[in-house]
C-alpha atoms as a PDB file:
ATOM      1  CA  MET A   1      -0.561 -41.057 -26.222  1.00  0.00           C
ATOM      2  CA  GLU A   2       2.297 -40.524 -22.929  1.00  0.00           C
ATOM      3  CA  GLN A   3       0.983 -41.075 -19.880  1.00  0.00           C
ATOM      4  CA  VAL A   4       2.280 -39.384 -16.764  1.00  0.00           C
ATOM      5  CA  ASP A   5       1.773 -40.881 -13.107  1.00  0.00           C
ATOM      6  CA  LYS A   6       0.393 -38.792 -10.884  1.00  0.00           C
ATOM      7  CA  GLN A   7       2.332 -38.468  -7.337  1.00  0.00           C
ATOM      8  CA  GLU A   8      -0.744 -37.103  -5.675  1.00  0.00           C
ATOM      9  CA  GLY A   9      -3.929 -38.486  -3.854  1.00  0.00           C
ATOM     10  CA  ARG A  10      -4.867 -42.204  -3.276  1.00  0.00           C
ATOM     11  CA  GLY A  11      -3.912 -44.324  -6.397  1.00  0.00           C
ATOM     12  CA  ALA A  12      -1.736 -43.159  -9.448  1.00  0.00           C
ATOM     13  CA  SER A  13      -3.833 -42.253 -12.544  1.00  0.00           C
ATOM     14  CA  ALA A  14      -2.634 -41.627 -15.842  1.00  0.00           C
ATOM     15  CA  VAL A  15      -2.885 -38.060 -17.035  1.00  0.00           C
ATOM     16  CA  PRO A  16      -2.074 -37.366 -20.998  1.00  0.00           C
ATOM     17  CA  VAL A  17       0.342 -34.754 -21.816  1.00  0.00           C
ATOM     18  CA  ASP A  18       0.073 -33.607 -25.455  1.00  0.00           C
ATOM     19  CA  ASP A  19       3.387 -33.428 -27.534  1.00  0.00           C
ATOM     20  CA  PRO A  20       3.506 -29.829 -29.007  1.00  0.00           C
ATOM     21  CA  TRP A  21       6.003 -31.504 -32.026  1.00  0.00           C
ATOM     22  CA  ASP A  22       3.077 -34.361 -32.700  1.00  0.00           C
ATOM     23  CA  ASP A  23       1.323 -34.271 -35.849  1.00  0.00           C
ATOM     24  CA  VAL A  24      -1.442 -35.851 -34.732  1.00  0.00           C
ATOM     25  CA  SER A  25      -3.497 -34.028 -32.343  1.00  0.00           C
ATOM     26  CA  ALA A  26      -4.772 -35.139 -29.166  1.00  0.00           C
ATOM     27  CA  ALA A  27      -7.881 -35.413 -30.447  1.00  0.00           C
ATOM     28  CA  ALA A  28      -7.139 -37.561 -33.502  1.00  0.00           C
ATOM     29  CA  ARG A  29      -5.674 -39.942 -31.074  1.00  0.00           C
ATOM     30  CA  ASP A  30      -8.742 -40.059 -28.423  1.00  0.00           C
ATOM     31  CA  GLY A  31     -10.574 -41.123 -31.669  1.00  0.00           C
ATOM     32  CA  LEU A  32     -12.360 -37.498 -31.786  1.00  0.00           C
ATOM     33  CA  ASP A  33     -13.040 -35.570 -35.518  1.00  0.00           C
ATOM     34  CA  GLU A  34     -12.150 -31.679 -35.248  1.00  0.00           C
ATOM     35  CA  THR A  35     -15.669 -31.195 -33.974  1.00  0.00           C
ATOM     36  CA  GLY A  36     -15.142 -33.184 -30.954  1.00  0.00           C
ATOM     37  CA  THR A  37     -17.224 -36.101 -31.366  1.00  0.00           C
ATOM     38  CA  THR A  38     -16.292 -39.442 -31.957  1.00  0.00           C
ATOM     39  CA  GLY A  39     -17.066 -41.903 -35.103  1.00  0.00           C
ATOM     40  CA  GLY A  40     -16.806 -38.596 -37.726  1.00  0.00           C
ATOM     41  CA  GLY A  41     -20.628 -37.729 -38.038  1.00  0.00           C
ATOM     42  CA  ARG A  42     -21.129 -41.357 -39.220  1.00  0.00           C
ATOM     43  CA  PRO A  43     -24.842 -42.552 -38.928  1.00  0.00           C
ATOM     44  CA  GLY A  44     -25.219 -45.050 -35.939  1.00  0.00           C
ATOM     45  CA  THR A  45     -22.383 -43.479 -33.353  1.00  0.00           C
ATOM     46  CA  VAL A  46     -23.137 -41.962 -30.343  1.00  0.00           C
ATOM     47  CA  PRO A  47     -21.463 -38.436 -30.315  1.00  0.00           C
ATOM     48  CA  ARG A  48     -19.431 -37.067 -26.929  1.00  0.00           C
ATOM     49  CA  GLN A  49     -20.950 -34.129 -26.015  1.00  0.00           C
ATOM     50  CA  ARG A  50     -18.458 -30.906 -26.457  1.00  0.00           C
ATOM     51  CA  VAL A  51     -16.569 -29.999 -22.686  1.00  0.00           C
ATOM     52  CA  PRO A  52     -15.811 -26.100 -23.205  1.00  0.00           C
ATOM     53  CA  SER A  53     -12.127 -25.789 -22.772  1.00  0.00           C
ATOM     54  CA  ALA A  54     -10.291 -23.893 -19.533  1.00  0.00           C
ATOM     55  CA  ALA A  55     -10.010 -20.900 -21.709  1.00  0.00           C
ATOM     56  CA  GLU A  56     -13.310 -20.729 -22.355  1.00  0.00           C
ATOM     57  CA  ILE A  57     -14.062 -21.180 -19.014  1.00  0.00           C
ATOM     58  CA  TYR A  58     -12.702 -17.955 -17.743  1.00  0.00           C
ATOM     59  CA  LEU A  59     -13.476 -15.991 -20.748  1.00  0.00           C
ATOM     60  CA  GLU A  60     -17.516 -16.805 -19.344  1.00  0.00           C
ATOM     61  CA  VAL A  61     -16.373 -15.913 -16.274  1.00  0.00           C
ATOM     62  CA  GLN A  62     -14.779 -12.998 -16.994  1.00  0.00           C
ATOM     63  CA  ARG A  63     -18.367 -11.629 -19.179  1.00  0.00           C
ATOM     64  CA  SER A  64     -20.084 -12.253 -16.375  1.00  0.00           C
ATOM     65  CA  PRO A  65     -22.469  -9.764 -14.562  1.00  0.00           C
ATOM     66  CA  ALA A  66     -21.205 -11.190 -11.019  1.00  0.00           C
ATOM     67  CA  PHE A  67     -17.209 -10.686 -12.364  1.00  0.00           C
ATOM     68  CA  GLN A  68     -18.043  -6.982 -13.494  1.00  0.00           C
ATOM     69  CA  GLN A  69     -19.648  -6.456 -10.026  1.00  0.00           C
ATOM     70  CA  VAL A  70     -16.409  -7.421  -8.385  1.00  0.00           C
ATOM     71  CA  ARG A  71     -14.570  -5.211 -11.052  1.00  0.00           C
ATOM     72  CA  GLY A  72     -16.482  -2.565 -10.593  1.00  0.00           C
ATOM     73  CA  ARG A  73     -16.139  -2.415  -7.246  1.00  0.00           C
ATOM     74  CA  TYR A  74     -12.413  -2.670  -7.403  1.00  0.00           C
ATOM     75  CA  ARG A  75     -11.885   0.142  -9.578  1.00  0.00           C
ATOM     76  CA  ARG A  76     -14.134   2.216  -8.063  1.00  0.00           C
ATOM     77  CA  PHE A  77     -12.175   2.533  -4.733  1.00  0.00           C
ATOM     78  CA  VAL A  78      -8.527   1.895  -5.840  1.00  0.00           C
ATOM     79  CA  PHE A  79      -8.393   4.724  -8.889  1.00  0.00           C
ATOM     80  CA  PRO A  80      -9.697   7.772  -6.751  1.00  0.00           C
ATOM     81  CA  ALA A  81      -7.480   6.524  -3.701  1.00  0.00           C
ATOM     82  CA  THR A  82      -4.789   6.059  -5.999  1.00  0.00           C
ATOM     83  CA  PHE A  83      -5.499   9.611  -7.302  1.00  0.00           C
ATOM     84  CA  ALA A  84      -6.041  11.062  -4.014  1.00  0.00           C
ATOM     85  CA  PHE A  85      -2.853   9.989  -2.503  1.00  0.00           C
ATOM     86  CA  LEU A  86      -0.144  10.722  -5.510  1.00  0.00           C
ATOM     87  CA  ALA A  87      -2.018  14.525  -5.853  1.00  0.00           C
ATOM     88  CA  TRP A  88      -0.728  14.401  -1.793  1.00  0.00           C
ATOM     89  CA  TYR A  89       2.905  12.957  -1.975  1.00  0.00           C
ATOM     90  CA  LEU A  90       2.896  15.023  -5.160  1.00  0.00           C
ATOM     91  CA  ALA A  91       1.584  18.603  -3.853  1.00  0.00           C
ATOM     92  CA  TYR A  92       4.229  17.487  -0.776  1.00  0.00           C
ATOM     93  CA  VAL A  93       7.205  17.123  -2.864  1.00  0.00           C
ATOM     94  CA  VAL A  94       6.632  20.621  -4.784  1.00  0.00           C
ATOM     95  CA  ALA A  95       5.698  22.104  -1.384  1.00  0.00           C
ATOM     96  CA  ALA A  96       9.619  21.269  -0.043  1.00  0.00           C
ATOM     97  CA  THR A  97      11.392  22.352  -3.253  1.00  0.00           C
ATOM     98  CA  ALA A  98       9.059  25.615  -4.224  1.00  0.00           C
ATOM     99  CA  ALA A  99       8.366  26.497  -0.523  1.00  0.00           C
ATOM    100  CA  PRO A 100      11.730  25.800   1.565  1.00  0.00           C
ATOM    101  CA  GLY A 101      10.568  28.686   3.412  1.00  0.00           C
ATOM    102  CA  LEU A 102       6.964  27.408   4.481  1.00  0.00           C
ATOM    103  CA  MET A 103       8.581  23.925   4.952  1.00  0.00           C
ATOM    104  CA  ALA A 104      11.220  24.880   7.321  1.00  0.00           C
ATOM    105  CA  ARG A 105       8.562  26.807   9.785  1.00  0.00           C
ATOM    106  CA  PRO A 106       8.926  25.819  13.644  1.00  0.00           C
ATOM    107  CA  VAL A 107       5.496  24.147  14.350  1.00  0.00           C
ATOM    108  CA  ALA A 108       6.866  22.749  18.263  1.00  0.00           C
ATOM    109  CA  GLY A 109      10.451  23.001  19.230  1.00  0.00           C
ATOM    110  CA  ALA A 110      12.687  21.256  16.598  1.00  0.00           C
ATOM    111  CA  VAL A 111       9.916  19.894  14.953  1.00  0.00           C
ATOM    112  CA  ASN A 112       9.294  21.679  11.335  1.00  0.00           C
ATOM    113  CA  VAL A 113       6.034  21.651   8.461  1.00  0.00           C
ATOM    114  CA  ALA A 114       7.934  19.395   6.326  1.00  0.00           C
ATOM    115  CA  MET A 115       8.564  16.375   9.295  1.00  0.00           C
ATOM    116  CA  VAL A 116       5.027  16.762  10.561  1.00  0.00           C
ATOM    117  CA  ALA A 117       3.866  16.334   6.366  1.00  0.00           C
ATOM    118  CA  GLY A 118       6.876  13.269   6.038  1.00  0.00           C
ATOM    119  CA  LEU A 119       5.098  11.443   8.902  1.00  0.00           C
ATOM    120  CA  GLY A 120       2.061  12.143   7.596  1.00  0.00           C
ATOM    121  CA  GLN A 121       2.578  10.645   4.433  1.00  0.00           C
ATOM    122  CA  PHE A 122       3.904   7.720   6.294  1.00  0.00           C
ATOM    123  CA  LEU A 123       0.572   8.050   8.165  1.00  0.00           C
ATOM    124  CA  THR A 124      -1.767   8.185   4.880  1.00  0.00           C
ATOM    125  CA  THR A 125      -0.324   5.096   3.733  1.00  0.00           C
ATOM    126  CA  PHE A 126      -0.431   3.587   6.673  1.00  0.00           C
ATOM    127  CA  LEU A 127      -4.985   4.210   6.715  1.00  0.00           C
ATOM    128  CA  LEU A 128      -4.818   3.850   2.810  1.00  0.00           C
ATOM    129  CA  THR A 129      -3.818   0.277   3.772  1.00  0.00           C
ATOM    130  CA  TRP A 130      -6.697  -0.544   5.966  1.00  0.00           C
ATOM    131  CA  ALA A 131      -9.185   1.212   4.084  1.00  0.00           C
ATOM    132  CA  TYR A 132      -8.174  -0.902   1.318  1.00  0.00           C
ATOM    133  CA  ALA A 133      -8.171  -4.342   3.436  1.00  0.00           C
ATOM    134  CA  ARG A 134     -11.577  -2.909   4.754  1.00  0.00           C
ATOM    135  CA  HIS A 135     -13.209  -2.466   1.357  1.00  0.00           C
ATOM    136  CA  ALA A 136     -12.054  -6.039  -0.069  1.00  0.00           C
ATOM    137  CA  ARG A 137     -13.052  -7.347   3.377  1.00  0.00           C
ATOM    138  CA  LEU A 138     -16.722  -5.872   3.378  1.00  0.00           C
ATOM    139  CA  ARG A 139     -17.376  -5.592  -1.078  1.00  0.00           C
ATOM    140  CA  ARG A 140     -15.180  -8.054  -2.819  1.00  0.00           C
ATOM    141  CA  ASP A 141     -14.292 -10.743  -0.935  1.00  0.00           C
ATOM    142  CA  ARG A 142     -17.460 -12.892  -0.263  1.00  0.00           C
ATOM    143  CA  ALA A 143     -18.001 -12.234  -4.166  1.00  0.00           C
ATOM    144  CA  ALA A 144     -14.816 -12.743  -5.649  1.00  0.00           C
ATOM    145  CA  LEU A 145     -14.488 -15.848  -3.265  1.00  0.00           C
ATOM    146  CA  GLU A 146     -17.976 -17.136  -4.909  1.00  0.00           C
ATOM    147  CA  LEU A 147     -16.413 -16.654  -8.325  1.00  0.00           C
ATOM    148  CA  ARG A 148     -13.534 -18.946  -7.780  1.00  0.00           C
ATOM    149  CA  TRP A 149     -15.593 -21.728  -6.558  1.00  0.00           C
ATOM    150  CA  ASP A 150     -17.477 -21.653  -8.968  1.00  0.00           C
ATOM    151  CA  THR A 151     -14.513 -21.633 -11.574  1.00  0.00           C
ATOM    152  CA  GLN A 152     -12.946 -24.063  -9.681  1.00  0.00           C
ATOM    153  CA  GLU A 153     -15.969 -26.507 -10.627  1.00  0.00           C
ATOM    154  CA  MET A 154     -16.321 -25.574 -13.754  1.00  0.00           C
ATOM    155  CA  THR A 155     -12.831 -26.531 -14.635  1.00  0.00           C
ATOM    156  CA  ARG A 156     -13.042 -29.378 -12.761  1.00  0.00           C
ATOM    157  CA  GLY A 157     -15.796 -30.365 -14.823  1.00  0.00           C
ATOM    158  CA  ALA A 158     -13.774 -29.175 -17.849  1.00  0.00           C
ATOM    159  CA  VAL A 159     -10.424 -31.507 -16.779  1.00  0.00           C
ATOM    160  CA  ARG A 160     -12.023 -34.664 -15.978  1.00  0.00           C
ATOM    161  CA  SER A 161     -13.489 -35.209 -19.375  1.00  0.00           C
END
């Protein structure tokens, strides 16, 4: 098995690198059989405990109720907000093309309805950005951070073994 020295941390330690073109699997090189145990299931050998892979850990986290809750909160905000903003934008574009007389109507001096609606587009963009950041901070960030830490702890255990 090829070894690569790690450059970060206190001391350099060897990290195994799997070669996808190698005919011998990493498990076979480490003395493991297909089930992830040593000794091929022979009596008198101590089997190693199977450590889940990072992919299995991420799938487990994705199926967890905490992840589903964070994802649901995200969707309950983003989908209606996106729909409302797109509807407002399309109404502005349709009004500008279908009702030019309405859009040209003066509001105050040289300022007309089209200018007010165009500035309203900018204002709603900033308001939507603020609302999204506030929603994320109050309803999702803490739970997402906890999921991230849990996932890192679980994958750290998988990488060490």
